[in-house]
Amino acid sequence: MDDQKQLQQDAAAVQDRIARQQTKVADMQTTLGAMAAEQYRDGGIDPSVQLRARADRRRGK
């Protein structure tokens, strides 16, 4: 029985971690959506975002 209880606890911990990560992803999507909407309204990409994107591409991200 102890093994089963440990597995249930481990599964619950993993589910909690997944839920936290999903929340982070949703927050990032919201932020990205707001940035995209602002970019659309303003008609371009903020220069700091362009620099960051270039740097990320060079590093392979």
N, C-alpha and C. Protein backbone atom coordinates (compact mmCIF):
# COMPACT_ATOMS: atom_id res chain seq x y z
N MET A 1 0.81 -1.20 0.00
CA MET A 1 0.00 0.00 0.00
C MET A 1 0.85 1.26 0.00
N ASP A 2 2.00 1.22 0.65
CA ASP A 2 2.85 2.41 0.70
C ASP A 2 3.33 2.83 -0.68
N ASP A 3 3.63 1.85 -1.53
CA ASP A 3 4.07 2.18 -2.89
C ASP A 3 2.97 2.90 -3.66
N GLN A 4 1.74 2.42 -3.50
CA GLN A 4 0.62 3.05 -4.19
C GLN A 4 0.42 4.47 -3.69
N LYS A 5 0.52 4.67 -2.40
CA LYS A 5 0.34 6.01 -1.83
C LYS A 5 1.44 6.94 -2.33
N GLN A 6 2.67 6.45 -2.40
CA GLN A 6 3.78 7.26 -2.89
C GLN A 6 3.57 7.64 -4.35
N LEU A 7 3.11 6.67 -5.14
CA LEU A 7 2.84 6.94 -6.55
C LEU A 7 1.74 7.99 -6.71
N GLN A 8 0.71 7.91 -5.88
CA GLN A 8 -0.37 8.89 -5.93
C GLN A 8 0.15 10.28 -5.56
N GLN A 9 1.00 10.34 -4.56
CA GLN A 9 1.58 11.62 -4.16
C GLN A 9 2.46 12.18 -5.27
N ASP A 10 3.25 11.31 -5.88
CA ASP A 10 4.11 11.74 -6.99
C ASP A 10 3.26 12.25 -8.16
N ALA A 11 2.20 11.53 -8.47
CA ALA A 11 1.32 11.94 -9.56
C ALA A 11 0.67 13.29 -9.25
N ALA A 12 0.25 13.48 -8.02
CA ALA A 12 -0.36 14.75 -7.62
C ALA A 12 0.64 15.89 -7.75
N ALA A 13 1.88 15.64 -7.37
CA ALA A 13 2.92 16.67 -7.47
C ALA A 13 3.17 17.03 -8.93
N VAL A 14 3.21 16.02 -9.79
CA VAL A 14 3.41 16.27 -11.22
C VAL A 14 2.23 17.06 -11.79
N GLN A 15 1.02 16.70 -11.40
CA GLN A 15 -0.16 17.42 -11.88
C GLN A 15 -0.13 18.87 -11.43
N ASP A 16 0.30 19.11 -10.20
CA ASP A 16 0.42 20.49 -9.71
C ASP A 16 1.44 21.27 -10.53
N ARG A 17 2.57 20.64 -10.81
CA ARG A 17 3.62 21.30 -11.59
C ARG A 17 3.11 21.60 -13.00
N ILE A 18 2.39 20.67 -13.59
CA ILE A 18 1.83 20.89 -14.92
C ILE A 18 0.84 22.05 -14.90
N ALA A 19 0.00 22.09 -13.88
CA ALA A 19 -0.98 23.18 -13.78
C ALA A 19 -0.29 24.53 -13.66
N ARG A 20 0.79 24.59 -12.88
CA ARG A 20 1.53 25.86 -12.75
C ARG A 20 2.15 26.26 -14.09
N GLN A 21 2.70 25.29 -14.80
CA GLN A 21 3.31 25.58 -16.09
C GLN A 21 2.25 26.03 -17.10
N GLN A 22 1.08 25.41 -17.05
CA GLN A 22 0.00 25.81 -17.96
C GLN A 22 -0.43 27.25 -17.67
N THR A 23 -0.45 27.61 -16.40
CA THR A 23 -0.79 28.99 -16.03
C THR A 23 0.25 29.95 -16.58
N LYS A 24 1.52 29.58 -16.47
CA LYS A 24 2.59 30.43 -17.01
C LYS A 24 2.45 30.58 -18.52
N VAL A 25 2.16 29.49 -19.21
CA VAL A 25 1.99 29.54 -20.66
C VAL A 25 0.82 30.45 -21.02
N ALA A 26 -0.28 30.31 -20.30
CA ALA A 26 -1.45 31.16 -20.57
C ALA A 26 -1.11 32.63 -20.35
N ASP A 27 -0.36 32.92 -19.29
CA ASP A 27 0.05 34.30 -19.03
C ASP A 27 0.93 34.83 -20.16
N MET A 28 1.86 33.99 -20.63
CA MET A 28 2.73 34.41 -21.73
C MET A 28 1.92 34.63 -23.01
N GLN A 29 0.93 33.78 -23.25
CA GLN A 29 0.10 33.96 -24.44
C GLN A 29 -0.68 35.27 -24.36
N THR A 30 -1.17 35.59 -23.17
CA THR A 30 -1.89 36.85 -22.99
C THR A 30 -0.97 38.03 -23.26
N THR A 31 0.24 37.97 -22.71
CA THR A 31 1.21 39.04 -22.93
C THR A 31 1.57 39.16 -24.40
N LEU A 32 1.82 38.03 -25.03
CA LEU A 32 2.17 38.04 -26.45
C LEU A 32 1.02 38.58 -27.29
N GLY A 33 -0.20 38.21 -26.94
CA GLY A 33 -1.36 38.72 -27.66
C GLY A 33 -1.47 40.23 -27.54
N ALA A 34 -1.23 40.74 -26.34
CA ALA A 34 -1.28 42.19 -26.14
C ALA A 34 -0.19 42.88 -26.94
N MET A 35 1.00 42.28 -26.96
CA MET A 35 2.10 42.86 -27.74
C MET A 35 1.77 42.86 -29.23
N ALA A 36 1.19 41.76 -29.70
CA ALA A 36 0.84 41.67 -31.12
C ALA A 36 -0.23 42.70 -31.48
N ALA A 37 -1.21 42.86 -30.60
CA ALA A 37 -2.26 43.85 -30.86
C ALA A 37 -1.68 45.26 -30.90
N GLU A 38 -0.78 45.54 -29.97
CA GLU A 38 -0.14 46.87 -29.95
C GLU A 38 0.69 47.08 -31.21
N GLN A 39 1.40 46.05 -31.60
CA GLN A 39 2.21 46.14 -32.81
C GLN A 39 1.32 46.40 -34.02
N TYR A 40 0.20 45.72 -34.09
CA TYR A 40 -0.72 45.91 -35.21
C TYR A 40 -1.24 47.34 -35.22
N ARG A 41 -1.63 47.84 -34.06
CA ARG A 41 -2.15 49.21 -33.98
C ARG A 41 -1.09 50.23 -34.34
N ASP A 42 0.14 49.99 -33.89
CA ASP A 42 1.22 50.95 -34.11
C ASP A 42 1.89 50.79 -35.47
N GLY A 43 1.62 49.69 -36.14
CA GLY A 43 2.14 49.50 -37.48
C GLY A 43 3.57 49.03 -37.55
N GLY A 44 4.09 48.44 -36.51
CA GLY A 44 5.46 47.94 -36.58
C GLY A 44 5.89 47.25 -35.32
N ILE A 45 7.11 46.78 -35.34
CA ILE A 45 7.69 46.08 -34.20
C ILE A 45 8.58 47.05 -33.44
N ASP A 46 8.43 47.04 -32.14
CA ASP A 46 9.28 47.87 -31.28
C ASP A 46 10.74 47.47 -31.51
N PRO A 47 11.63 48.44 -31.65
CA PRO A 47 13.04 48.12 -31.91
C PRO A 47 13.66 47.19 -30.86
N SER A 48 13.27 47.33 -29.60
CA SER A 48 13.84 46.45 -28.57
C SER A 48 13.40 45.01 -28.78
N VAL A 49 12.19 44.80 -29.28
CA VAL A 49 11.71 43.45 -29.58
C VAL A 49 12.47 42.89 -30.77
N GLN A 50 12.73 43.73 -31.77
CA GLN A 50 13.51 43.28 -32.93
C GLN A 50 14.90 42.83 -32.50
N LEU A 51 15.54 43.61 -31.65
CA LEU A 51 16.88 43.25 -31.18
C LEU A 51 16.86 41.94 -30.42
N ARG A 52 15.86 41.77 -29.56
CA ARG A 52 15.76 40.54 -28.78
C ARG A 52 15.54 39.33 -29.69
N ALA A 53 14.68 39.49 -30.68
CA ALA A 53 14.40 38.40 -31.60
C ALA A 53 15.66 38.01 -32.38
N ARG A 54 16.41 39.01 -32.82
CA ARG A 54 17.66 38.72 -33.54
C ARG A 54 18.64 37.98 -32.65
N ALA A 55 18.78 38.43 -31.42
CA ALA A 55 19.71 37.79 -30.49
C ALA A 55 19.29 36.35 -30.22
N ASP A 56 17.98 36.13 -30.06
CA ASP A 56 17.49 34.78 -29.80
C ASP A 56 17.74 33.86 -30.99
N ARG A 57 17.57 34.39 -32.21
CA ARG A 57 17.82 33.56 -33.40
C ARG A 57 19.28 33.17 -33.49
N ARG A 58 20.17 34.11 -33.15
CA ARG A 58 21.61 33.81 -33.22
C ARG A 58 21.99 32.74 -32.21
N ARG A 59 21.30 32.71 -31.07
CA ARG A 59 21.61 31.72 -30.04
C ARG A 59 20.86 30.42 -30.27
N GLY A 60 20.02 30.38 -31.30
CA GLY A 60 19.31 29.15 -31.62
C GLY A 60 18.07 28.92 -30.79
N LYS A 61 17.49 29.98 -30.23
CA LYS A 61 16.28 29.81 -29.42
C LYS A 61 15.05 29.89 -30.28
